[in-house]
């Protein structure tokens, strides 16, 4: 599968981002890969995909939001989903959630 290498690379970026609690690192690395971006690319929202000629593809979803309410100052919540597909069938998936430090 041609998309497997990109999936593994993004997976390593996710693991580093979770370990360091740094979502900017993840967004910057994924944007550098020049994947097909759906909508605007921001540090609070990034949806990307990549379709390869052999029928393999990846889907990447990143969302970050501030859960703080009045008189609160809570860290941002980051939700990440990465999928590897072959002919539109799920092969592998990684889902992560963490708070910024």
Protein backbone atom coordinates (compact mmCIF):
# COMPACT_ATOMS: atom_id res chain seq x y z
CA UNK A 1 0.00 0.00 0.00
CA UNK A 2 1.42 3.33 -1.04
CA UNK A 3 -0.34 5.27 1.73
CA UNK A 4 1.18 3.07 4.46
CA UNK A 5 4.42 5.11 4.68
CA UNK A 6 2.52 8.39 5.05
CA UNK A 7 0.26 6.80 7.66
CA UNK A 8 3.28 5.63 9.68
CA UNK A 9 4.95 9.02 9.41
CA UNK A 10 1.85 10.87 10.62
CA UNK A 11 1.45 8.28 13.36
CA UNK A 12 4.98 9.11 14.60
CA UNK A 13 4.09 12.83 14.55
CA UNK A 14 0.97 12.11 16.59
CA UNK A 15 2.94 10.07 19.13
CA UNK A 16 5.46 12.91 19.56
CA UNK A 17 2.69 15.48 19.83
CA UNK A 18 0.93 13.46 22.54
CA UNK A 19 4.19 12.90 24.43
CA UNK A 20 5.11 16.60 24.40
CA UNK A 21 1.51 17.85 24.57
CA UNK A 22 2.27 20.14 21.64
CA UNK A 23 -0.42 20.28 18.97
CA UNK A 24 1.40 22.96 16.94
CA UNK A 25 4.18 20.46 16.21
CA UNK A 26 1.66 18.00 14.77
CA UNK A 27 -0.18 20.57 12.64
CA UNK A 28 3.08 21.97 11.25
CA UNK A 29 4.46 18.53 10.32
CA UNK A 30 1.25 17.37 8.64
CA UNK A 31 0.88 20.62 6.69
CA UNK A 32 4.45 20.17 5.38
CA UNK A 33 3.37 16.86 3.80
CA UNK A 34 1.22 18.70 1.22
CA UNK A 35 -1.79 16.43 1.62
CA UNK A 36 -5.18 17.39 0.19
CA UNK A 37 -6.66 19.78 2.76
CA UNK A 38 -10.41 20.01 3.21
CA UNK A 39 -11.42 23.53 4.25
CA UNK A 40 -9.03 25.93 5.90
CA UNK A 41 -5.93 24.69 7.70
CA UNK A 42 -5.61 26.14 11.20
CA UNK A 43 -4.03 25.25 14.52
CA UNK A 44 -7.51 24.46 15.83
CA UNK A 45 -8.79 22.48 12.82
CA UNK A 46 -7.09 20.46 10.10
CA UNK A 47 -8.71 17.82 7.89
CA UNK A 48 -6.50 16.13 5.28
CA UNK A 49 -6.59 13.16 2.97
CA UNK A 50 -4.38 11.41 0.48
CA UNK A 51 -5.53 8.99 -2.21
CA UNK A 52 -2.97 6.77 -3.91
CA UNK A 53 -3.12 5.01 -7.28
CA UNK A 54 -3.23 1.54 -5.69
CA UNK A 55 -6.54 2.29 -3.92
CA UNK A 56 -4.95 3.03 -0.56
CA UNK A 57 -5.70 6.27 1.24
CA UNK A 58 -5.34 8.08 4.54
CA UNK A 59 -7.71 10.40 6.36
CA UNK A 60 -6.44 12.77 9.05
CA UNK A 61 -8.68 14.81 11.35
CA UNK A 62 -7.44 17.23 14.00
CA UNK A 63 -9.56 19.47 16.21
CA UNK A 64 -8.54 21.65 19.12
CA UNK A 65 -10.92 23.61 21.29
CA UNK A 66 -11.01 25.61 24.51
CA UNK A 67 -13.31 24.00 27.10
CA UNK A 68 -13.01 26.96 29.46
CA UNK A 69 -16.15 28.63 30.71
CA UNK A 70 -16.61 31.87 32.58
CA UNK A 71 -13.91 32.45 35.21
CA UNK A 72 -11.96 29.35 34.06
CA UNK A 73 -8.65 28.95 32.31
CA UNK A 74 -8.42 25.34 31.16
CA UNK A 75 -5.92 23.89 28.66
CA UNK A 76 -7.09 23.29 25.09
CA UNK A 77 -8.41 19.82 24.28
CA UNK A 78 -6.96 18.14 21.17
CA UNK A 79 -8.69 15.32 19.31
CA UNK A 80 -6.93 13.42 16.54
CA UNK A 81 -8.08 10.66 14.22
CA UNK A 82 -5.93 8.98 11.58
CA UNK A 83 -7.20 6.23 9.29
CA UNK A 84 -5.54 4.01 6.71
CA UNK A 85 -7.90 2.59 4.11
CA UNK A 86 -7.58 0.16 1.23
CA UNK A 87 -10.34 0.40 -1.38
CA UNK A 88 -12.44 2.35 1.17
CA UNK A 89 -12.09 -0.43 3.78
CA UNK A 90 -10.54 0.49 7.13
CA UNK A 91 -7.14 -1.19 7.59
CA UNK A 92 -5.79 0.69 10.61
CA UNK A 93 -6.92 3.54 12.83
CA UNK A 94 -5.39 5.71 15.53
CA UNK A 95 -7.49 7.91 17.80
CA UNK A 96 -5.89 10.18 20.39
CA UNK A 97 -7.08 12.86 22.79
CA UNK A 98 -4.97 15.03 25.06
CA UNK A 99 -4.89 18.42 26.73
CA UNK A 100 -2.23 21.00 25.95
CA UNK A 101 0.20 21.62 28.76
